[in-house]
Amino acid sequence: MNAVVTAAAREETFNAQRLEAVFGACFAARWRTRLVGGAGEPFYQPAQSASEYHLLHYRLDYFASALHEVAHWCIAGTRRRRLPDFGYWYAADGREPVQQRAFEAVESRPQALEWFFSRACGYRFRVSNDNLAAGEHDCLPFQRSVLEQARRWRQSGLPQRASVFYKALAEEFGTAAQLRDAPFELEQLQ
């Protein structure tokens, strides 16, 4: 019975609609952007007119997917936020080694930022190579890259929009997560 209660409590705590509400409170008015769940695949859709909102779609109702897509949005500059899916390419599962290295080069920053957001929520972060069909692949260089970026941001501070979201998440989830106090260790990614 306790496992069922714990699972239900966890589901309620880590409900992605809470992230939508926090994101909306932080960014809907100024940045005219909304976080929206239920998508088959994550996708950023810039507004078609000044009266519309930009839509940041995350996969189904997955909490981690929402955090990850917000991380991409927080990093994207003005030019990228005008492009569908921020102008990124995406190769599906089963990428060749060269494609995987290109993916990892782009993904280390958003995944490091997602790690911060996860901490602010009290949610376990898992680094993702997003390539299950790749077979044998050395994940350690990518994990180190994510770790190094997280440590740099811990020292220098998060990008502006990321900092706003991080603080709002820490308040919403009651973690009082302080940026400089957060230990980032490679073992946490394995």
C-alpha atoms as a PDB file:
ATOM      1  CA  MET A   1       0.000   0.000   0.000  1.00  0.00           C
ATOM      2  CA  ASN A   2       2.799   2.444   0.819  1.00  0.00           C
ATOM      3  CA  ALA A   3       4.361   1.949  -2.628  1.00  0.00           C
ATOM      4  CA  VAL A   4       1.032   2.847  -4.245  1.00  0.00           C
ATOM      5  CA  VAL A   5       0.657   5.936  -2.052  1.00  0.00           C
ATOM      6  CA  THR A   6       4.253   6.936  -2.720  1.00  0.00           C
ATOM      7  CA  ALA A   7       3.817   6.517  -6.471  1.00  0.00           C
ATOM      8  CA  ALA A   8       0.591   8.536  -6.396  1.00  0.00           C
ATOM      9  CA  ALA A   9       2.222  11.269  -4.313  1.00  0.00           C
ATOM     10  CA  ARG A  10       5.196  11.352  -6.685  1.00  0.00           C
ATOM     11  CA  GLU A  11       2.868  11.600  -9.688  1.00  0.00           C
ATOM     12  CA  GLU A  12       1.033  14.497  -8.067  1.00  0.00           C
ATOM     13  CA  THR A  13       4.258  16.258  -7.068  1.00  0.00           C
ATOM     14  CA  PHE A  14       5.909  15.833 -10.453  1.00  0.00           C
ATOM     15  CA  ASN A  15       2.871  16.714 -12.513  1.00  0.00           C
ATOM     16  CA  ALA A  16       3.951  18.483 -15.688  1.00  0.00           C
ATOM     17  CA  GLN A  17       1.000  20.884 -15.477  1.00  0.00           C
ATOM     18  CA  ARG A  18       2.777  22.446 -12.491  1.00  0.00           C
ATOM     19  CA  LEU A  19       5.682  23.207 -14.816  1.00  0.00           C
ATOM     20  CA  GLU A  20       3.291  24.719 -17.357  1.00  0.00           C
ATOM     21  CA  ALA A  21       1.882  27.020 -14.668  1.00  0.00           C
ATOM     22  CA  VAL A  22       5.326  28.102 -13.439  1.00  0.00           C
ATOM     23  CA  PHE A  23       6.527  28.657 -17.000  1.00  0.00           C
ATOM     24  CA  GLY A  24       3.416  30.694 -17.805  1.00  0.00           C
ATOM     25  CA  ALA A  25       3.828  32.853 -14.714  1.00  0.00           C
ATOM     26  CA  CYS A  26       7.448  33.528 -15.647  1.00  0.00           C
ATOM     27  CA  PHE A  27       7.241  33.981 -19.416  1.00  0.00           C
ATOM     28  CA  ALA A  28       3.739  34.213 -20.895  1.00  0.00           C
ATOM     29  CA  ALA A  29       3.327  37.967 -20.575  1.00  0.00           C
ATOM     30  CA  ARG A  30       6.813  39.209 -21.466  1.00  0.00           C
ATOM     31  CA  TRP A  31       7.947  36.496 -23.893  1.00  0.00           C
ATOM     32  CA  ARG A  32       4.493  35.504 -25.236  1.00  0.00           C
ATOM     33  CA  THR A  33       5.420  31.845 -24.886  1.00  0.00           C
ATOM     34  CA  ARG A  34       3.476  28.927 -23.428  1.00  0.00           C
ATOM     35  CA  LEU A  35       4.613  25.460 -22.418  1.00  0.00           C
ATOM     36  CA  VAL A  36       2.171  22.826 -23.742  1.00  0.00           C
ATOM     37  CA  GLY A  37       2.103  19.075 -23.098  1.00  0.00           C
ATOM     38  CA  GLY A  38       0.496  16.271 -25.013  1.00  0.00           C
ATOM     39  CA  ALA A  39       2.736  16.277 -28.082  1.00  0.00           C
ATOM     40  CA  GLY A  40       3.836  13.079 -29.795  1.00  0.00           C
ATOM     41  CA  GLU A  41       7.281  14.662 -30.139  1.00  0.00           C
ATOM     42  CA  PRO A  42       8.731  17.829 -28.600  1.00  0.00           C
ATOM     43  CA  PHE A  43       8.539  20.848 -30.878  1.00  0.00           C
ATOM     44  CA  TYR A  44       8.873  24.626 -30.638  1.00  0.00           C
ATOM     45  CA  GLN A  45       6.428  26.574 -32.818  1.00  0.00           C
ATOM     46  CA  PRO A  46       7.047  30.304 -33.124  1.00  0.00           C
ATOM     47  CA  ALA A  47       3.962  32.492 -33.214  1.00  0.00           C
ATOM     48  CA  GLN A  48       2.605  33.311 -36.665  1.00  0.00           C
ATOM     49  CA  SER A  49       1.527  36.808 -35.622  1.00  0.00           C
ATOM     50  CA  ALA A  50       2.141  39.321 -32.838  1.00  0.00           C
ATOM     51  CA  SER A  51      -1.211  38.459 -31.245  1.00  0.00           C
ATOM     52  CA  GLU A  52      -0.384  34.752 -30.892  1.00  0.00           C
ATOM     53  CA  TYR A  53       1.807  32.882 -28.435  1.00  0.00           C
ATOM     54  CA  HIS A  54       4.927  30.897 -29.240  1.00  0.00           C
ATOM     55  CA  LEU A  55       4.266  27.283 -28.249  1.00  0.00           C
ATOM     56  CA  LEU A  56       6.834  25.054 -26.625  1.00  0.00           C
ATOM     57  CA  HIS A  57       5.462  21.514 -26.930  1.00  0.00           C
ATOM     58  CA  TYR A  58       6.807  18.706 -24.784  1.00  0.00           C
ATOM     59  CA  ARG A  59       6.233  14.984 -25.124  1.00  0.00           C
ATOM     60  CA  LEU A  60       2.946  13.673 -23.751  1.00  0.00           C
ATOM     61  CA  ASP A  61       2.809  14.605 -20.057  1.00  0.00           C
ATOM     62  CA  TYR A  62       6.421  13.761 -19.261  1.00  0.00           C
ATOM     63  CA  PHE A  63       7.891  15.948 -16.557  1.00  0.00           C
ATOM     64  CA  ALA A  64      11.472  15.441 -17.786  1.00  0.00           C
ATOM     65  CA  SER A  65      10.499  16.284 -21.362  1.00  0.00           C
ATOM     66  CA  ALA A  66       8.966  19.565 -20.208  1.00  0.00           C
ATOM     67  CA  LEU A  67      12.114  20.472 -18.247  1.00  0.00           C
ATOM     68  CA  HIS A  68      14.295  19.589 -21.226  1.00  0.00           C
ATOM     69  CA  GLU A  69      12.301  21.663 -23.709  1.00  0.00           C
ATOM     70  CA  VAL A  70      12.327  24.651 -21.350  1.00  0.00           C
ATOM     71  CA  ALA A  71      16.115  24.282 -21.149  1.00  0.00           C
ATOM     72  CA  HIS A  72      16.350  24.521 -24.949  1.00  0.00           C
ATOM     73  CA  TRP A  73      14.087  27.589 -24.933  1.00  0.00           C
ATOM     74  CA  CYS A  74      16.113  29.294 -22.195  1.00  0.00           C
ATOM     75  CA  ILE A  75      19.296  28.885 -24.220  1.00  0.00           C
ATOM     76  CA  ALA A  76      17.878  29.824 -27.624  1.00  0.00           C
ATOM     77  CA  GLY A  77      18.670  33.351 -28.717  1.00  0.00           C
ATOM     78  CA  THR A  78      16.335  35.757 -30.481  1.00  0.00           C
ATOM     79  CA  ARG A  79      17.097  34.421 -33.968  1.00  0.00           C
ATOM     80  CA  ARG A  80      16.577  30.770 -32.996  1.00  0.00           C
ATOM     81  CA  ARG A  81      13.294  31.572 -31.219  1.00  0.00           C
ATOM     82  CA  ARG A  82      11.937  32.776 -34.582  1.00  0.00           C
ATOM     83  CA  LEU A  83      12.550  29.363 -36.185  1.00  0.00           C
ATOM     84  CA  PRO A  84      10.458  26.195 -35.906  1.00  0.00           C
ATOM     85  CA  ASP A  85      12.169  23.880 -33.415  1.00  0.00           C
ATOM     86  CA  PHE A  86      14.812  26.606 -32.967  1.00  0.00           C
ATOM     87  CA  GLY A  87      16.246  25.648 -36.357  1.00  0.00           C
ATOM     88  CA  TYR A  88      17.794  22.462 -34.985  1.00  0.00           C
ATOM     89  CA  TRP A  89      18.113  19.283 -37.013  1.00  0.00           C
ATOM     90  CA  TYR A  90      17.058  16.031 -35.487  1.00  0.00           C
ATOM     91  CA  ALA A  91      18.122  12.558 -36.519  1.00  0.00           C
ATOM     92  CA  ALA A  92      16.018   9.767 -35.094  1.00  0.00           C
ATOM     93  CA  ASP A  93      17.188   6.943 -32.872  1.00  0.00           C
ATOM     94  CA  GLY A  94      19.932   4.880 -34.498  1.00  0.00           C
ATOM     95  CA  ARG A  95      22.296   7.737 -35.363  1.00  0.00           C
ATOM     96  CA  GLU A  96      25.712   6.919 -36.769  1.00  0.00           C
ATOM     97  CA  PRO A  97      28.741   7.780 -34.553  1.00  0.00           C
ATOM     98  CA  VAL A  98      29.423  11.087 -36.370  1.00  0.00           C
ATOM     99  CA  GLN A  99      25.780  12.141 -36.017  1.00  0.00           C
ATOM    100  CA  GLN A 100      25.824  11.105 -32.350  1.00  0.00           C
ATOM    101  CA  ARG A 101      28.860  13.279 -31.626  1.00  0.00           C
ATOM    102  CA  ALA A 102      27.154  16.234 -33.341  1.00  0.00           C
ATOM    103  CA  PHE A 103      24.027  15.612 -31.267  1.00  0.00           C
ATOM    104  CA  GLU A 104      26.044  15.488 -28.049  1.00  0.00           C
ATOM    105  CA  ALA A 105      27.874  18.709 -28.921  1.00  0.00           C
ATOM    106  CA  VAL A 106      24.523  20.512 -29.174  1.00  0.00           C
ATOM    107  CA  GLU A 107      22.889  18.742 -26.221  1.00  0.00           C
ATOM    108  CA  SER A 108      25.432  19.262 -23.438  1.00  0.00           C
ATOM    109  CA  ARG A 109      24.228  22.794 -22.622  1.00  0.00           C
ATOM    110  CA  PRO A 110      20.473  22.067 -22.501  1.00  0.00           C
ATOM    111  CA  GLN A 111      21.054  18.880 -20.533  1.00  0.00           C
ATOM    112  CA  ALA A 112      23.229  20.720 -18.013  1.00  0.00           C
ATOM    113  CA  LEU A 113      20.475  23.288 -17.651  1.00  0.00           C
ATOM    114  CA  GLU A 114      17.853  20.548 -17.322  1.00  0.00           C
ATOM    115  CA  TRP A 115      19.971  19.172 -14.465  1.00  0.00           C
ATOM    116  CA  PHE A 116      19.635  22.517 -12.657  1.00  0.00           C
ATOM    117  CA  PHE A 117      15.884  22.599 -13.240  1.00  0.00           C
ATOM    118  CA  SER A 118      15.538  19.016 -11.994  1.00  0.00           C
ATOM    119  CA  ARG A 119      17.408  19.964  -8.826  1.00  0.00           C
ATOM    120  CA  ALA A 120      15.135  22.947  -8.275  1.00  0.00           C
ATOM    121  CA  CYS A 121      12.145  20.566  -8.398  1.00  0.00           C
ATOM    122  CA  GLY A 122      13.713  17.794  -6.327  1.00  0.00           C
ATOM    123  CA  TYR A 123      13.444  15.523  -9.380  1.00  0.00           C
ATOM    124  CA  ARG A 124      16.110  13.010 -10.410  1.00  0.00           C
ATOM    125  CA  PHE A 125      17.972  14.029 -13.550  1.00  0.00           C
ATOM    126  CA  ARG A 126      19.099  11.441 -16.068  1.00  0.00           C
ATOM    127  CA  VAL A 127      21.488  12.385 -18.829  1.00  0.00           C
ATOM    128  CA  SER A 128      20.164  11.195 -22.194  1.00  0.00           C
ATOM    129  CA  ASN A 129      22.106  10.182 -25.278  1.00  0.00           C
ATOM    130  CA  ASP A 130      18.729   9.805 -27.002  1.00  0.00           C
ATOM    131  CA  ASN A 131      20.056   6.972 -29.144  1.00  0.00           C
ATOM    132  CA  LEU A 132      18.965   3.609 -27.788  1.00  0.00           C
ATOM    133  CA  ALA A 133      19.637   1.771 -31.042  1.00  0.00           C
ATOM    134  CA  ALA A 134      23.284   2.850 -31.169  1.00  0.00           C
ATOM    135  CA  GLY A 135      24.546  -0.251 -29.371  1.00  0.00           C
ATOM    136  CA  GLU A 136      27.956   0.155 -27.777  1.00  0.00           C
ATOM    137  CA  HIS A 137      28.630   3.827 -27.244  1.00  0.00           C
ATOM    138  CA  ASP A 138      30.958   5.476 -24.751  1.00  0.00           C
ATOM    139  CA  CYS A 139      28.688   7.849 -22.830  1.00  0.00           C
ATOM    140  CA  LEU A 140      31.419   9.112 -20.529  1.00  0.00           C
ATOM    141  CA  PRO A 141      32.675  11.993 -22.731  1.00  0.00           C
ATOM    142  CA  PHE A 142      29.118  13.330 -23.068  1.00  0.00           C
ATOM    143  CA  GLN A 143      28.463  12.979 -19.353  1.00  0.00           C
ATOM    144  CA  ARG A 144      31.690  14.877 -18.634  1.00  0.00           C
ATOM    145  CA  SER A 145      30.650  17.625 -21.033  1.00  0.00           C
ATOM    146  CA  VAL A 146      27.282  17.994 -19.268  1.00  0.00           C
ATOM    147  CA  LEU A 147      29.050  18.016 -15.890  1.00  0.00           C
ATOM    148  CA  GLU A 148      31.592  20.658 -16.974  1.00  0.00           C
ATOM    149  CA  GLN A 149      28.843  22.939 -18.287  1.00  0.00           C
ATOM    150  CA  ALA A 150      26.811  22.555 -15.084  1.00  0.00           C
ATOM    151  CA  ARG A 151      29.861  23.468 -13.019  1.00  0.00           C
ATOM    152  CA  ARG A 152      30.576  26.527 -15.199  1.00  0.00           C
ATOM    153  CA  TRP A 153      27.020  27.786 -14.702  1.00  0.00           C
ATOM    154  CA  ARG A 154      27.226  27.097 -10.973  1.00  0.00           C
ATOM    155  CA  GLN A 155      30.247  29.425 -10.853  1.00  0.00           C
ATOM    156  CA  SER A 156      29.141  32.120 -13.299  1.00  0.00           C
ATOM    157  CA  GLY A 157      25.356  31.990 -12.930  1.00  0.00           C
ATOM    158  CA  LEU A 158      22.643  30.764 -15.252  1.00  0.00           C
ATOM    159  CA  PRO A 159      21.462  32.563 -18.388  1.00  0.00           C
ATOM    160  CA  GLN A 160      18.826  35.207 -17.567  1.00  0.00           C
ATOM    161  CA  ARG A 161      15.625  33.318 -18.445  1.00  0.00           C
ATOM    162  CA  ALA A 162      17.031  30.094 -16.970  1.00  0.00           C
ATOM    163  CA  SER A 163      17.762  31.876 -13.704  1.00  0.00           C
ATOM    164  CA  VAL A 164      14.202  33.203 -13.520  1.00  0.00           C
ATOM    165  CA  PHE A 165      12.762  29.725 -14.138  1.00  0.00           C
ATOM    166  CA  TYR A 166      15.182  28.033 -11.723  1.00  0.00           C
ATOM    167  CA  LYS A 167      14.219  30.380  -8.878  1.00  0.00           C
ATOM    168  CA  ALA A 168      10.505  30.011  -9.628  1.00  0.00           C
ATOM    169  CA  LEU A 169      10.820  26.193  -9.635  1.00  0.00           C
ATOM    170  CA  ALA A 170      12.706  26.195  -6.328  1.00  0.00           C
ATOM    171  CA  GLU A 171       9.923  28.297  -4.831  1.00  0.00           C
ATOM    172  CA  GLU A 172       7.100  26.206  -6.337  1.00  0.00           C
ATOM    173  CA  PHE A 173       8.624  22.888  -5.253  1.00  0.00           C
ATOM    174  CA  GLY A 174       9.879  24.158  -1.890  1.00  0.00           C
ATOM    175  CA  THR A 175      13.469  23.079  -2.425  1.00  0.00           C
ATOM    176  CA  ALA A 176      15.190  26.378  -1.631  1.00  0.00           C
ATOM    177  CA  ALA A 177      17.768  25.138  -4.125  1.00  0.00           C
ATOM    178  CA  GLN A 178      20.696  27.530  -4.052  1.00  0.00           C
ATOM    179  CA  LEU A 179      22.738  27.677  -7.235  1.00  0.00           C
ATOM    180  CA  ARG A 180      26.171  27.834  -5.613  1.00  0.00           C
ATOM    181  CA  ASP A 181      25.346  25.102  -3.075  1.00  0.00           C
ATOM    182  CA  ALA A 182      24.443  22.493  -5.676  1.00  0.00           C
ATOM    183  CA  PRO A 183      27.138  19.815  -5.914  1.00  0.00           C
ATOM    184  CA  PHE A 184      27.575  18.425  -9.391  1.00  0.00           C
ATOM    185  CA  GLU A 185      29.424  15.119  -9.581  1.00  0.00           C
ATOM    186  CA  LEU A 186      29.962  12.672 -12.422  1.00  0.00           C
ATOM    187  CA  GLU A 187      28.605   9.794 -10.317  1.00  0.00           C
ATOM    188  CA  GLN A 188      25.201  11.526 -10.269  1.00  0.00           C
ATOM    189  CA  LEU A 189      24.959  11.047 -14.044  1.00  0.00           C
ATOM    190  CA  GLN A 190      25.597   7.319 -14.046  1.00  0.00           C
END
